[in-house]
Amino acid sequence: VLCALASPCATGELARRIGVSIGT
């Protein structure tokens, strides 16, 4: 999560970036 946020994004995009559910 920390590394994926090198460029900010919405939580849904963050979930896609790291391959987890939005809730996770």
mmCIF file of all heavy atoms, coordinates in Angstrom:
data_MODEL
# 
_entry.id   MODEL 
# 
loop_
_atom_site.group_PDB 
_atom_site.id 
_atom_site.type_symbol 
_atom_site.label_atom_id 
_atom_site.label_alt_id 
_atom_site.label_comp_id 
_atom_site.label_asym_id 
_atom_site.label_entity_id 
_atom_site.label_seq_id 
_atom_site.pdbx_PDB_ins_code 
_atom_site.Cartn_x 
_atom_site.Cartn_y 
_atom_site.Cartn_z 
_atom_site.occupancy 
_atom_site.B_iso_or_equiv 
_atom_site.pdbx_formal_charge 
_atom_site.auth_seq_id 
_atom_site.auth_comp_id 
_atom_site.auth_asym_id 
_atom_site.auth_atom_id 
_atom_site.pdbx_PDB_model_num 
ATOM 1   N N   . VAL A 1 1  ? 0.849   -1.201 0.000   1.00 0.00 ? 1  VAL A N   1 
ATOM 2   C CA  . VAL A 1 1  ? 0.000   0.000  0.000   1.00 0.00 ? 1  VAL A CA  1 
ATOM 3   C C   . VAL A 1 1  ? 0.875   1.239  0.000   1.00 0.00 ? 1  VAL A C   1 
ATOM 4   O O   . VAL A 1 1  ? 0.679   2.166  -0.788  1.00 0.00 ? 1  VAL A O   1 
ATOM 5   C CB  . VAL A 1 1  ? -0.956  0.016  1.215   1.00 0.00 ? 1  VAL A CB  1 
ATOM 6   C CG1 . VAL A 1 1  ? -1.594  1.389  1.395   1.00 0.00 ? 1  VAL A CG1 1 
ATOM 7   C CG2 . VAL A 1 1  ? -2.035  -1.056 1.074   1.00 0.00 ? 1  VAL A CG2 1 
ATOM 8   N N   . LEU A 1 2  ? 1.863   1.264  0.881   1.00 0.00 ? 2  LEU A N   1 
ATOM 9   C CA  . LEU A 1 2  ? 2.753   2.417  0.981   1.00 0.00 ? 2  LEU A CA  1 
ATOM 10  C C   . LEU A 1 2  ? 3.444   2.694  -0.349  1.00 0.00 ? 2  LEU A C   1 
ATOM 11  O O   . LEU A 1 2  ? 3.494   3.830  -0.816  1.00 0.00 ? 2  LEU A O   1 
ATOM 12  C CB  . LEU A 1 2  ? 3.780   2.159  2.084   1.00 0.00 ? 2  LEU A CB  1 
ATOM 13  C CG  . LEU A 1 2  ? 4.440   3.365  2.721   1.00 0.00 ? 2  LEU A CG  1 
ATOM 14  C CD1 . LEU A 1 2  ? 3.421   4.250  3.406   1.00 0.00 ? 2  LEU A CD1 1 
ATOM 15  C CD2 . LEU A 1 2  ? 5.477   2.909  3.720   1.00 0.00 ? 2  LEU A CD2 1 
ATOM 16  N N   . CYS A 1 3  ? 3.941   1.657  -0.981  1.00 0.00 ? 3  CYS A N   1 
ATOM 17  C CA  . CYS A 1 3  ? 4.644   1.833  -2.261  1.00 0.00 ? 3  CYS A CA  1 
ATOM 18  C C   . CYS A 1 3  ? 3.684   2.184  -3.395  1.00 0.00 ? 3  CYS A C   1 
ATOM 19  O O   . CYS A 1 3  ? 4.027   2.976  -4.265  1.00 0.00 ? 3  CYS A O   1 
ATOM 20  C CB  . CYS A 1 3  ? 5.424   0.576  -2.597  1.00 0.00 ? 3  CYS A CB  1 
ATOM 21  S SG  . CYS A 1 3  ? 6.819   0.350  -1.485  1.00 0.00 ? 3  CYS A SG  1 
ATOM 22  N N   . ALA A 1 4  ? 2.496   1.609  -3.375  1.00 0.00 ? 4  ALA A N   1 
ATOM 23  C CA  . ALA A 1 4  ? 1.525   1.886  -4.439  1.00 0.00 ? 4  ALA A CA  1 
ATOM 24  C C   . ALA A 1 4  ? 1.050   3.334  -4.396  1.00 0.00 ? 4  ALA A C   1 
ATOM 25  O O   . ALA A 1 4  ? 0.573   3.861  -5.397  1.00 0.00 ? 4  ALA A O   1 
ATOM 26  C CB  . ALA A 1 4  ? 0.336   0.941  -4.327  1.00 0.00 ? 4  ALA A CB  1 
ATOM 27  N N   . LEU A 1 5  ? 1.196   3.986  -3.241  1.00 0.00 ? 5  LEU A N   1 
ATOM 28  C CA  . LEU A 1 5  ? 0.750   5.368  -3.117  1.00 0.00 ? 5  LEU A CA  1 
ATOM 29  C C   . LEU A 1 5  ? 1.824   6.377  -3.508  1.00 0.00 ? 5  LEU A C   1 
ATOM 30  O O   . LEU A 1 5  ? 1.711   7.566  -3.209  1.00 0.00 ? 5  LEU A O   1 
ATOM 31  C CB  . LEU A 1 5  ? 0.247   5.640  -1.695  1.00 0.00 ? 5  LEU A CB  1 
ATOM 32  C CG  . LEU A 1 5  ? -1.084  4.972  -1.376  1.00 0.00 ? 5  LEU A CG  1 
ATOM 33  C CD1 . LEU A 1 5  ? -1.437  5.159  0.092   1.00 0.00 ? 5  LEU A CD1 1 
ATOM 34  C CD2 . LEU A 1 5  ? -2.184  5.490  -2.281  1.00 0.00 ? 5  LEU A CD2 1 
ATOM 35  N N   . ALA A 1 6  ? 2.859   5.929  -4.209  1.00 0.00 ? 6  ALA A N   1 
ATOM 36  C CA  . ALA A 1 6  ? 3.853   6.863  -4.742  1.00 0.00 ? 6  ALA A CA  1 
ATOM 37  C C   . ALA A 1 6  ? 3.128   7.915  -5.580  1.00 0.00 ? 6  ALA A C   1 
ATOM 38  O O   . ALA A 1 6  ? 3.538   9.067  -5.636  1.00 0.00 ? 6  ALA A O   1 
ATOM 39  C CB  . ALA A 1 6  ? 4.894   6.128  -5.575  1.00 0.00 ? 6  ALA A CB  1 
ATOM 40  N N   . SER A 1 7  ? 2.045   7.521  -6.231  1.00 0.00 ? 7  SER A N   1 
ATOM 41  C CA  . SER A 1 7  ? 1.143   8.481  -6.862  1.00 0.00 ? 7  SER A CA  1 
ATOM 42  C C   . SER A 1 7  ? -0.233  8.246  -6.237  1.00 0.00 ? 7  SER A C   1 
ATOM 43  O O   . SER A 1 7  ? -0.751  7.133  -6.283  1.00 0.00 ? 7  SER A O   1 
ATOM 44  C CB  . SER A 1 7  ? 1.104   8.305  -8.377  1.00 0.00 ? 7  SER A CB  1 
ATOM 45  O OG  . SER A 1 7  ? 0.699   7.010  -8.719  1.00 0.00 ? 7  SER A OG  1 
ATOM 46  N N   . PRO A 1 8  ? -0.798  9.274  -5.580  1.00 0.00 ? 8  PRO A N   1 
ATOM 47  C CA  . PRO A 1 8  ? -2.076  9.113  -4.886  1.00 0.00 ? 8  PRO A CA  1 
ATOM 48  C C   . PRO A 1 8  ? -3.174  8.630  -5.822  1.00 0.00 ? 8  PRO A C   1 
ATOM 49  O O   . PRO A 1 8  ? -3.157  8.911  -7.017  1.00 0.00 ? 8  PRO A O   1 
ATOM 50  C CB  . PRO A 1 8  ? -2.395  10.530 -4.378  1.00 0.00 ? 8  PRO A CB  1 
ATOM 51  C CG  . PRO A 1 8  ? -1.088  11.232 -4.357  1.00 0.00 ? 8  PRO A CG  1 
ATOM 52  C CD  . PRO A 1 8  ? -0.278  10.639 -5.472  1.00 0.00 ? 8  PRO A CD  1 
ATOM 53  N N   . CYS A 1 9  ? -4.100  7.878  -5.258  1.00 0.00 ? 9  CYS A N   1 
ATOM 54  C CA  . CYS A 1 9  ? -5.226  7.358  -6.034  1.00 0.00 ? 9  CYS A CA  1 
ATOM 55  C C   . CYS A 1 9  ? -6.373  7.046  -5.095  1.00 0.00 ? 9  CYS A C   1 
ATOM 56  O O   . CYS A 1 9  ? -6.183  6.939  -3.885  1.00 0.00 ? 9  CYS A O   1 
ATOM 57  C CB  . CYS A 1 9  ? -4.813  6.111  -6.802  1.00 0.00 ? 9  CYS A CB  1 
ATOM 58  S SG  . CYS A 1 9  ? -4.301  4.752  -5.727  1.00 0.00 ? 9  CYS A SG  1 
ATOM 59  N N   . ALA A 1 10 ? -7.563  6.879  -5.640  1.00 0.00 ? 10 ALA A N   1 
ATOM 60  C CA  . ALA A 1 10 ? -8.730  6.495  -4.851  1.00 0.00 ? 10 ALA A CA  1 
ATOM 61  C C   . ALA A 1 10 ? -8.533  5.076  -4.313  1.00 0.00 ? 10 ALA A C   1 
ATOM 62  O O   . ALA A 1 10 ? -7.749  4.290  -4.852  1.00 0.00 ? 10 ALA A O   1 
ATOM 63  C CB  . ALA A 1 10 ? -9.988  6.574  -5.698  1.00 0.00 ? 10 ALA A CB  1 
ATOM 64  N N   . THR A 1 11 ? -9.246  4.755  -3.257  1.00 0.00 ? 11 THR A N   1 
ATOM 65  C CA  . THR A 1 11 ? -9.099  3.454  -2.604  1.00 0.00 ? 11 THR A CA  1 
ATOM 66  C C   . THR A 1 11 ? -9.379  2.297  -3.557  1.00 0.00 ? 11 THR A C   1 
ATOM 67  O O   . THR A 1 11 ? -8.696  1.275  -3.514  1.00 0.00 ? 11 THR A O   1 
ATOM 68  C CB  . THR A 1 11 ? -10.017 3.365  -1.365  1.00 0.00 ? 11 THR A CB  1 
ATOM 69  O OG1 . THR A 1 11 ? -9.751  4.493  -0.523  1.00 0.00 ? 11 THR A OG1 1 
ATOM 70  C CG2 . THR A 1 11 ? -9.779  2.098  -0.583  1.00 0.00 ? 11 THR A CG2 1 
ATOM 71  N N   . GLY A 1 12 ? -10.345 2.463  -4.454  1.00 0.00 ? 12 GLY A N   1 
ATOM 72  C CA  . GLY A 1 12 ? -10.635 1.396  -5.426  1.00 0.00 ? 12 GLY A CA  1 
ATOM 73  C C   . GLY A 1 12 ? -9.457  1.136  -6.344  1.00 0.00 ? 12 GLY A C   1 
ATOM 74  O O   . GLY A 1 12 ? -9.109  -0.010 -6.629  1.00 0.00 ? 12 GLY A O   1 
ATOM 75  N N   . GLU A 1 13 ? -8.817  2.202  -6.811  1.00 0.00 ? 13 GLU A N   1 
ATOM 76  C CA  . GLU A 1 13 ? -7.626  2.055  -7.660  1.00 0.00 ? 13 GLU A CA  1 
ATOM 77  C C   . GLU A 1 13 ? -6.482  1.453  -6.851  1.00 0.00 ? 13 GLU A C   1 
ATOM 78  O O   . GLU A 1 13 ? -5.729  0.619  -7.352  1.00 0.00 ? 13 GLU A O   1 
ATOM 79  C CB  . GLU A 1 13 ? -7.221  3.400  -8.259  1.00 0.00 ? 13 GLU A CB  1 
ATOM 80  C CG  . GLU A 1 13 ? -5.904  3.385  -9.007  1.00 0.00 ? 13 GLU A CG  1 
ATOM 81  C CD  . GLU A 1 13 ? -5.870  2.440  -10.207 1.00 0.00 ? 13 GLU A CD  1 
ATOM 82  O OE1 . GLU A 1 13 ? -6.938  2.074  -10.746 1.00 0.00 ? 13 GLU A OE1 1 
ATOM 83  O OE2 . GLU A 1 13 ? -4.756  2.060  -10.624 1.00 0.00 ? 13 GLU A OE2 1 
ATOM 84  N N   . LEU A 1 14 ? -6.335  1.874  -5.604  1.00 0.00 ? 14 LEU A N   1 
ATOM 85  C CA  . LEU A 1 14 ? -5.301  1.311  -4.730  1.00 0.00 ? 14 LEU A CA  1 
ATOM 86  C C   . LEU A 1 14 ? -5.490  -0.202 -4.607  1.00 0.00 ? 14 LEU A C   1 
ATOM 87  O O   . LEU A 1 14 ? -4.529  -0.968 -4.722  1.00 0.00 ? 14 LEU A O   1 
ATOM 88  C CB  . LEU A 1 14 ? -5.351  1.970  -3.353  1.00 0.00 ? 14 LEU A CB  1 
ATOM 89  C CG  . LEU A 1 14 ? -4.428  1.397  -2.283  1.00 0.00 ? 14 LEU A CG  1 
ATOM 90  C CD1 . LEU A 1 14 ? -2.970  1.542  -2.691  1.00 0.00 ? 14 LEU A CD1 1 
ATOM 91  C CD2 . LEU A 1 14 ? -4.688  2.088  -0.942  1.00 0.00 ? 14 LEU A CD2 1 
ATOM 92  N N   . ALA A 1 15 ? -6.729  -0.627 -4.410  1.00 0.00 ? 15 ALA A N   1 
ATOM 93  C CA  . ALA A 1 15 ? -7.018  -2.062 -4.309  1.00 0.00 ? 15 ALA A CA  1 
ATOM 94  C C   . ALA A 1 15 ? -6.593  -2.792 -5.581  1.00 0.00 ? 15 ALA A C   1 
ATOM 95  O O   . ALA A 1 15 ? -5.992  -3.865 -5.526  1.00 0.00 ? 15 ALA A O   1 
ATOM 96  C CB  . ALA A 1 15 ? -8.507  -2.279 -4.037  1.00 0.00 ? 15 ALA A CB  1 
ATOM 97  N N   . ARG A 1 16 ? -6.894  -2.205 -6.743  1.00 0.00 ? 16 ARG A N   1 
ATOM 98  C CA  . ARG A 1 16 ? -6.485  -2.822 -8.017  1.00 0.00 ? 16 ARG A CA  1 
ATOM 99  C C   . ARG A 1 16 ? -4.967  -2.867 -8.142  1.00 0.00 ? 16 ARG A C   1 
ATOM 100 O O   . ARG A 1 16 ? -4.410  -3.847 -8.613  1.00 0.00 ? 16 ARG A O   1 
ATOM 101 C CB  . ARG A 1 16 ? -7.094  -2.060 -9.189  1.00 0.00 ? 16 ARG A CB  1 
ATOM 102 C CG  . ARG A 1 16 ? -8.549  -2.390 -9.430  1.00 0.00 ? 16 ARG A CG  1 
ATOM 103 C CD  . ARG A 1 16 ? -9.075  -1.747 -10.700 1.00 0.00 ? 16 ARG A CD  1 
ATOM 104 N NE  . ARG A 1 16 ? -9.199  -0.301 -10.594 1.00 0.00 ? 16 ARG A NE  1 
ATOM 105 C CZ  . ARG A 1 16 ? -10.209 0.325  -9.985  1.00 0.00 ? 16 ARG A CZ  1 
ATOM 106 N NH1 . ARG A 1 16 ? -11.174 -0.373 -9.431  1.00 0.00 ? 16 ARG A NH1 1 
ATOM 107 N NH2 . ARG A 1 16 ? -10.251 1.643  -9.945  1.00 0.00 ? 16 ARG A NH2 1 
ATOM 108 N N   . ARG A 1 17 ? -4.298  -1.795 -7.737  1.00 0.00 ? 17 ARG A N   1 
ATOM 109 C CA  . ARG A 1 17 ? -2.842  -1.736 -7.853  1.00 0.00 ? 17 ARG A CA  1 
ATOM 110 C C   . ARG A 1 17 ? -2.151  -2.848 -7.080  1.00 0.00 ? 17 ARG A C   1 
ATOM 111 O O   . ARG A 1 17 ? -1.131  -3.366 -7.524  1.00 0.00 ? 17 ARG A O   1 
ATOM 112 C CB  . ARG A 1 17 ? -2.312  -0.393 -7.344  1.00 0.00 ? 17 ARG A CB  1 
ATOM 113 C CG  . ARG A 1 17 ? -2.576  0.765  -8.256  1.00 0.00 ? 17 ARG A CG  1 
ATOM 114 C CD  . ARG A 1 17 ? -2.006  2.050  -7.689  1.00 0.00 ? 17 ARG A CD  1 
ATOM 115 N NE  . ARG A 1 17 ? -2.306  3.182  -8.536  1.00 0.00 ? 17 ARG A NE  1 
ATOM 116 C CZ  . ARG A 1 17 ? -1.901  4.415  -8.289  1.00 0.00 ? 17 ARG A CZ  1 
ATOM 117 N NH1 . ARG A 1 17 ? -1.165  4.684  -7.225  1.00 0.00 ? 17 ARG A NH1 1 
ATOM 118 N NH2 . ARG A 1 17 ? -2.229  5.392  -9.115  1.00 0.00 ? 17 ARG A NH2 1 
ATOM 119 N N   . ILE A 1 18 ? -2.692  -3.187 -5.911  1.00 0.00 ? 18 ILE A N   1 
ATOM 120 C CA  . ILE A 1 18 ? -2.004  -4.190 -5.082  1.00 0.00 ? 18 ILE A CA  1 
ATOM 121 C C   . ILE A 1 18 ? -2.697  -5.546 -5.098  1.00 0.00 ? 18 ILE A C   1 
ATOM 122 O O   . ILE A 1 18 ? -2.225  -6.491 -4.470  1.00 0.00 ? 18 ILE A O   1 
ATOM 123 C CB  . ILE A 1 18 ? -1.802  -3.694 -3.632  1.00 0.00 ? 18 ILE A CB  1 
ATOM 124 C CG1 . ILE A 1 18 ? -3.135  -3.471 -2.926  1.00 0.00 ? 18 ILE A CG1 1 
ATOM 125 C CG2 . ILE A 1 18 ? -0.940  -2.442 -3.620  1.00 0.00 ? 18 ILE A CG2 1 
ATOM 126 C CD1 . ILE A 1 18 ? -2.995  -3.168 -1.451  1.00 0.00 ? 18 ILE A CD1 1 
ATOM 127 N N   . GLY A 1 19 ? -3.813  -5.655 -5.817  1.00 0.00 ? 19 GLY A N   1 
ATOM 128 C CA  . GLY A 1 19 ? -4.474  -6.943 -5.995  1.00 0.00 ? 19 GLY A CA  1 
ATOM 129 C C   . GLY A 1 19 ? -5.237  -7.441 -4.783  1.00 0.00 ? 19 GLY A C   1 
ATOM 130 O O   . GLY A 1 19 ? -5.217  -8.632 -4.477  1.00 0.00 ? 19 GLY A O   1 
ATOM 131 N N   . VAL A 1 20 ? -5.930  -6.526 -4.079  1.00 0.00 ? 20 VAL A N   1 
ATOM 132 C CA  . VAL A 1 20 ? -6.745  -6.921 -2.924  1.00 0.00 ? 20 VAL A CA  1 
ATOM 133 C C   . VAL A 1 20 ? -8.135  -6.324 -3.079  1.00 0.00 ? 20 VAL A C   1 
ATOM 134 O O   . VAL A 1 20 ? -8.378  -5.513 -3.970  1.00 0.00 ? 20 VAL A O   1 
ATOM 135 C CB  . VAL A 1 20 ? -6.106  -6.463 -1.580  1.00 0.00 ? 20 VAL A CB  1 
ATOM 136 C CG1 . VAL A 1 20 ? -4.744  -7.114 -1.367  1.00 0.00 ? 20 VAL A CG1 1 
ATOM 137 C CG2 . VAL A 1 20 ? -6.011  -4.951 -1.489  1.00 0.00 ? 20 VAL A CG2 1 
ATOM 138 N N   . SER A 1 21 ? -9.047  -6.679 -2.178  1.00 0.00 ? 21 SER A N   1 
ATOM 139 C CA  . SER A 1 21 ? -10.390 -6.096 -2.209  1.00 0.00 ? 21 SER A CA  1 
ATOM 140 C C   . SER A 1 21 ? -10.334 -4.643 -1.729  1.00 0.00 ? 21 SER A C   1 
ATOM 141 O O   . SER A 1 21 ? -9.379  -4.226 -1.057  1.00 0.00 ? 21 SER A O   1 
ATOM 142 C CB  . SER A 1 21 ? -11.336 -6.892 -1.303  1.00 0.00 ? 21 SER A CB  1 
ATOM 143 O OG  . SER A 1 21 ? -10.997 -6.672 0.059   1.00 0.00 ? 21 SER A OG  1 
ATOM 144 N N   . ILE A 1 22 ? -11.374 -3.896 -2.062  1.00 0.00 ? 22 ILE A N   1 
ATOM 145 C CA  . ILE A 1 22 ? -11.441 -2.500 -1.623  1.00 0.00 ? 22 ILE A CA  1 
ATOM 146 C C   . ILE A 1 22 ? -11.470 -2.428 -0.099  1.00 0.00 ? 22 ILE A C   1 
ATOM 147 O O   . ILE A 1 22 ? -10.813 -1.576 0.508   1.00 0.00 ? 22 ILE A O   1 
ATOM 148 C CB  . ILE A 1 22 ? -12.668 -1.792 -2.239  1.00 0.00 ? 22 ILE A CB  1 
ATOM 149 C CG1 . ILE A 1 22 ? -12.488 -1.664 -3.750  1.00 0.00 ? 22 ILE A CG1 1 
ATOM 150 C CG2 . ILE A 1 22 ? -12.888 -0.419 -1.605  1.00 0.00 ? 22 ILE A CG2 1 
ATOM 151 C CD1 . ILE A 1 22 ? -13.704 -1.118 -4.478  1.00 0.00 ? 22 ILE A CD1 1 
ATOM 152 N N   . GLY A 1 23 ? -12.194 -3.336 0.543   1.00 0.00 ? 23 GLY A N   1 
ATOM 153 C CA  . GLY A 1 23 ? -12.257 -3.352 2.007   1.00 0.00 ? 23 GLY A CA  1 
ATOM 154 C C   . GLY A 1 23 ? -10.891 -3.586 2.634   1.00 0.00 ? 23 GLY A C   1 
ATOM 155 O O   . GLY A 1 23 ? -10.532 -2.938 3.622   1.00 0.00 ? 23 GLY A O   1 
ATOM 156 N N   . THR A 1 24 ? -10.116 -4.505 2.053   1.00 0.00 ? 24 THR A N   1 
ATOM 157 C CA  . THR A 1 24 ? -8.775  -4.783 2.562   1.00 0.00 ? 24 THR A CA  1 
ATOM 158 C C   . THR A 1 24 ? -7.872  -3.573 2.372   1.00 0.00 ? 24 THR A C   1 
ATOM 159 O O   . THR A 1 24 ? -7.140  -3.174 3.288   1.00 0.00 ? 24 THR A O   1 
ATOM 160 C CB  . THR A 1 24 ? -8.172  -6.020 1.858   1.00 0.00 ? 24 THR A CB  1 
ATOM 161 O OG1 . THR A 1 24 ? -8.998  -7.150 2.153   1.00 0.00 ? 24 THR A OG1 1 
ATOM 162 C CG2 . THR A 1 24 ? -6.751  -6.293 2.310   1.00 0.00 ? 24 THR A CG2 1 
# 
